């Protein structure tokens, strides 16, 4: 008989403490957070990001949510791809 062992691979890494969860959140595919001046709340919830944080990041760029046509979250950062002409 062959001795066969099976192994499971967690593609997201270990889910131990909050530090590993932060790493997971930072190493995922881009998620749109703002489209056509509207917050995509489902994606905020999925990423466990607070709307307060998003608004603060947008304000740092001198913009409002309504000014932004498209912004996504990738590698732990907010990327604003397009803004409306103001």
N, C-alpha and C. Protein backbone atom coordinates (compact mmCIF):
# COMPACT_ATOMS: atom_id res chain seq x y z
N UNK A 1 0.84 -1.20 0.00
CA UNK A 1 0.00 0.00 0.00
C UNK A 1 0.87 1.25 0.00
N UNK A 2 0.41 2.22 -0.73
CA UNK A 2 1.12 3.51 -0.75
C UNK A 2 0.71 4.32 0.47
N UNK A 3 1.66 5.04 1.02
CA UNK A 3 1.39 5.91 2.16
C UNK A 3 1.10 7.31 1.62
N UNK A 4 -0.17 7.67 1.56
CA UNK A 4 -0.58 8.95 0.98
C UNK A 4 -0.99 9.90 2.09
N UNK A 5 -0.40 11.07 2.05
CA UNK A 5 -0.75 12.11 3.02
C UNK A 5 -1.38 13.26 2.28
N UNK A 6 -2.38 13.84 2.86
CA UNK A 6 -2.99 15.02 2.22
C UNK A 6 -2.69 16.25 3.06
N UNK A 7 -2.56 17.36 2.38
CA UNK A 7 -2.28 18.62 3.05
C UNK A 7 -3.23 19.68 2.51
N UNK A 8 -3.69 20.51 3.40
CA UNK A 8 -4.50 21.65 2.98
C UNK A 8 -3.63 22.88 2.95
N UNK A 9 -3.82 23.69 1.94
CA UNK A 9 -3.07 24.93 1.82
C UNK A 9 -4.05 26.08 1.93
N UNK A 10 -3.79 26.96 2.86
CA UNK A 10 -4.63 28.14 3.02
C UNK A 10 -4.01 29.25 2.19
N UNK A 11 -4.67 29.62 1.08
CA UNK A 11 -4.09 30.61 0.18
C UNK A 11 -4.06 32.01 0.78
N UNK A 12 -4.79 32.24 1.84
CA UNK A 12 -4.79 33.55 2.49
C UNK A 12 -3.79 33.62 3.63
N UNK A 13 -3.13 32.53 3.92
CA UNK A 13 -2.20 32.53 5.05
C UNK A 13 -2.93 32.11 6.31
N UNK A 14 -2.22 32.11 7.40
CA UNK A 14 -2.84 31.71 8.67
C UNK A 14 -3.77 32.80 9.16
N UNK A 15 -4.78 32.37 9.88
CA UNK A 15 -5.75 33.33 10.40
C UNK A 15 -5.64 33.31 11.92
N UNK A 16 -4.47 33.64 12.39
CA UNK A 16 -4.21 33.59 13.83
C UNK A 16 -4.69 34.82 14.55
N UNK A 17 -3.90 35.88 14.54
CA UNK A 17 -4.24 37.08 15.28
C UNK A 17 -4.57 38.23 14.36
N UNK A 18 -4.72 39.40 14.95
CA UNK A 18 -5.08 40.58 14.17
C UNK A 18 -3.98 40.97 13.19
N UNK A 19 -2.73 40.69 13.54
CA UNK A 19 -1.62 41.02 12.64
C UNK A 19 -1.72 40.24 11.33
N UNK A 20 -2.04 38.95 11.42
CA UNK A 20 -2.15 38.16 10.20
C UNK A 20 -3.37 38.58 9.40
N UNK A 21 -4.43 39.00 10.06
CA UNK A 21 -5.60 39.49 9.34
C UNK A 21 -5.27 40.78 8.60
N UNK A 22 -4.46 41.62 9.19
CA UNK A 22 -4.04 42.86 8.52
C UNK A 22 -3.23 42.52 7.27
N UNK A 23 -2.34 41.53 7.38
CA UNK A 23 -1.54 41.13 6.22
C UNK A 23 -2.44 40.60 5.12
N UNK A 24 -3.44 39.80 5.48
CA UNK A 24 -4.38 39.27 4.49
C UNK A 24 -5.07 40.40 3.77
N UNK A 25 -5.54 41.38 4.52
CA UNK A 25 -6.27 42.50 3.94
C UNK A 25 -5.37 43.27 2.98
N UNK A 26 -4.09 43.34 3.28
CA UNK A 26 -3.15 44.09 2.45
C UNK A 26 -2.70 43.32 1.21
N UNK A 27 -2.88 42.01 1.19
CA UNK A 27 -2.37 41.20 0.09
C UNK A 27 -3.48 40.62 -0.78
N UNK A 28 -4.56 41.33 -0.95
CA UNK A 28 -5.65 40.84 -1.77
C UNK A 28 -5.77 41.66 -3.04
N UNK A 29 -6.60 41.20 -3.93
CA UNK A 29 -6.82 41.91 -5.19
C UNK A 29 -7.44 43.27 -4.92
N UNK A 30 -7.30 44.19 -5.86
CA UNK A 30 -7.88 45.53 -5.68
C UNK A 30 -9.40 45.46 -5.53
N UNK A 31 -9.92 46.25 -4.63
CA UNK A 31 -11.36 46.36 -4.43
C UNK A 31 -11.77 47.80 -4.69
N UNK A 32 -12.76 48.04 -5.56
CA UNK A 32 -13.25 49.41 -5.71
C UNK A 32 -13.96 49.85 -4.43
N UNK A 33 -13.61 51.02 -3.93
CA UNK A 33 -14.27 51.56 -2.74
C UNK A 33 -15.16 52.74 -3.08
N UNK A 34 -14.82 53.44 -4.17
CA UNK A 34 -15.65 54.57 -4.62
C UNK A 34 -15.83 54.44 -6.12
N UNK A 35 -17.08 54.50 -6.56
CA UNK A 35 -17.41 54.47 -7.99
C UNK A 35 -18.45 55.55 -8.24
N UNK A 36 -18.16 56.42 -9.19
CA UNK A 36 -19.08 57.51 -9.57
C UNK A 36 -19.54 58.34 -8.37
N UNK A 37 -18.61 58.64 -7.48
CA UNK A 37 -18.91 59.49 -6.34
C UNK A 37 -19.69 58.82 -5.22
N UNK A 38 -19.77 57.49 -5.27
CA UNK A 38 -20.51 56.75 -4.23
C UNK A 38 -19.62 55.69 -3.60
N UNK A 39 -19.74 55.57 -2.29
CA UNK A 39 -18.98 54.57 -1.54
C UNK A 39 -19.60 53.19 -1.76
N UNK A 40 -18.77 52.21 -2.03
CA UNK A 40 -19.23 50.83 -2.17
C UNK A 40 -19.09 50.17 -0.79
N UNK A 41 -20.16 50.28 -0.02
CA UNK A 41 -20.13 49.83 1.38
C UNK A 41 -19.90 48.33 1.53
N UNK A 42 -20.39 47.55 0.57
CA UNK A 42 -20.17 46.10 0.63
C UNK A 42 -18.67 45.79 0.66
N UNK A 43 -17.89 46.52 -0.13
CA UNK A 43 -16.45 46.27 -0.16
C UNK A 43 -15.77 46.77 1.11
N UNK A 44 -16.27 47.87 1.68
CA UNK A 44 -15.74 48.32 2.97
C UNK A 44 -15.94 47.22 4.01
N UNK A 45 -17.15 46.64 4.01
CA UNK A 45 -17.46 45.57 4.97
C UNK A 45 -16.57 44.35 4.73
N UNK A 46 -16.41 43.97 3.48
CA UNK A 46 -15.58 42.82 3.13
C UNK A 46 -14.16 43.00 3.63
N UNK A 47 -13.63 44.20 3.46
CA UNK A 47 -12.25 44.49 3.84
C UNK A 47 -12.11 44.91 5.30
N UNK A 48 -13.24 45.07 5.98
CA UNK A 48 -13.27 45.53 7.37
C UNK A 48 -12.59 46.89 7.50
N UNK A 49 -12.97 47.79 6.60
CA UNK A 49 -12.46 49.16 6.61
C UNK A 49 -13.60 50.08 7.01
N UNK A 50 -13.31 51.03 7.87
CA UNK A 50 -14.33 51.97 8.31
C UNK A 50 -14.48 53.11 7.31
N UNK A 51 -15.72 53.53 7.13
CA UNK A 51 -16.00 54.65 6.23
C UNK A 51 -15.25 55.90 6.67
N UNK A 52 -15.10 56.05 7.96
CA UNK A 52 -14.37 57.19 8.54
C UNK A 52 -12.94 57.25 7.99
N UNK A 53 -12.27 56.09 7.92
CA UNK A 53 -10.91 56.02 7.38
C UNK A 53 -10.91 56.45 5.91
N UNK A 54 -11.87 55.94 5.14
CA UNK A 54 -11.95 56.26 3.72
C UNK A 54 -12.13 57.76 3.51
N UNK A 55 -13.05 58.36 4.24
CA UNK A 55 -13.29 59.80 4.11
C UNK A 55 -12.04 60.61 4.47
N UNK A 56 -11.34 60.17 5.49
CA UNK A 56 -10.12 60.86 5.93
C UNK A 56 -9.04 60.80 4.84
N UNK A 57 -8.88 59.63 4.22
CA UNK A 57 -7.90 59.46 3.14
C UNK A 57 -8.24 60.34 1.94
N UNK A 58 -9.51 60.43 1.62
CA UNK A 58 -9.96 61.27 0.50
C UNK A 58 -9.71 62.74 0.81
N UNK A 59 -10.00 63.14 2.04
CA UNK A 59 -9.78 64.53 2.45
C UNK A 59 -8.30 64.90 2.39
N UNK A 60 -7.41 63.95 2.68
CA UNK A 60 -5.97 64.20 2.59
C UNK A 60 -5.56 64.63 1.18
N UNK A 61 -6.33 64.16 0.19
CA UNK A 61 -6.05 64.49 -1.21
C UNK A 61 -6.76 65.77 -1.64
N UNK A 62 -7.47 66.41 -0.69
CA UNK A 62 -8.18 67.64 -1.00
C UNK A 62 -9.45 67.42 -1.80
N UNK A 63 -10.03 66.24 -1.67
CA UNK A 63 -11.23 65.87 -2.43
C UNK A 63 -12.36 65.49 -1.48
N UNK A 64 -13.55 65.35 -2.05
CA UNK A 64 -14.68 64.76 -1.34
C UNK A 64 -15.04 63.47 -2.07
N UNK A 65 -15.84 62.64 -1.45
CA UNK A 65 -16.27 61.38 -2.07
C UNK A 65 -16.92 61.67 -3.42
N UNK A 66 -17.76 62.69 -3.48
CA UNK A 66 -18.49 63.01 -4.72
C UNK A 66 -17.57 63.47 -5.85
N UNK A 67 -16.37 63.94 -5.50
CA UNK A 67 -15.39 64.37 -6.52
C UNK A 67 -14.77 63.20 -7.27
N UNK A 68 -14.86 62.01 -6.70
CA UNK A 68 -14.11 60.86 -7.21
C UNK A 68 -14.98 59.96 -8.08
N UNK A 69 -14.47 59.70 -9.29
CA UNK A 69 -15.15 58.77 -10.19
C UNK A 69 -14.81 57.32 -9.84
N UNK A 70 -13.53 57.09 -9.49
CA UNK A 70 -13.11 55.72 -9.17
C UNK A 70 -11.92 55.74 -8.22
N UNK A 71 -12.02 54.94 -7.17
CA UNK A 71 -10.91 54.74 -6.24
C UNK A 71 -10.95 53.31 -5.74
N UNK A 72 -9.78 52.70 -5.62
CA UNK A 72 -9.75 51.33 -5.12
C UNK A 72 -8.73 51.18 -4.00
N UNK A 73 -8.87 50.06 -3.28
CA UNK A 73 -7.99 49.72 -2.17
C UNK A 73 -7.12 48.57 -2.62
N UNK A 74 -5.80 48.77 -2.52
CA UNK A 74 -4.87 47.74 -2.96
C UNK A 74 -3.58 47.86 -2.15
N UNK A 75 -3.09 46.73 -1.69
CA UNK A 75 -1.84 46.68 -0.92
C UNK A 75 -1.84 47.64 0.27
N UNK A 76 -2.98 47.73 0.94
CA UNK A 76 -3.06 48.54 2.15
C UNK A 76 -3.22 50.03 1.92
N UNK A 77 -3.46 50.44 0.67
CA UNK A 77 -3.56 51.87 0.37
C UNK A 77 -4.76 52.17 -0.52
N UNK A 78 -5.19 53.41 -0.45
CA UNK A 78 -6.26 53.89 -1.31
C UNK A 78 -5.64 54.53 -2.55
N UNK A 79 -6.10 54.09 -3.72
CA UNK A 79 -5.64 54.67 -4.98
C UNK A 79 -6.81 55.35 -5.66
N UNK A 80 -6.67 56.64 -5.89
CA UNK A 80 -7.71 57.40 -6.57
C UNK A 80 -7.31 57.46 -8.04
N UNK A 81 -8.09 56.78 -8.89
CA UNK A 81 -7.74 56.66 -10.30
C UNK A 81 -8.31 57.81 -11.13
N UNK A 82 -9.51 58.22 -10.84
CA UNK A 82 -10.15 59.27 -11.63
C UNK A 82 -10.93 60.21 -10.72
N UNK A 83 -10.88 61.47 -11.06
CA UNK A 83 -11.69 62.45 -10.34
C UNK A 83 -12.54 63.21 -11.35
N UNK A 84 -13.67 63.72 -10.87
CA UNK A 84 -14.53 64.54 -11.71
C UNK A 84 -13.88 65.90 -11.90
N UNK A 85 -14.14 66.53 -13.01
CA UNK A 85 -13.66 67.89 -13.21
C UNK A 85 -14.43 68.81 -12.28
N UNK A 86 -13.69 69.56 -11.47
CA UNK A 86 -14.35 70.48 -10.53
C UNK A 86 -13.97 71.90 -10.82
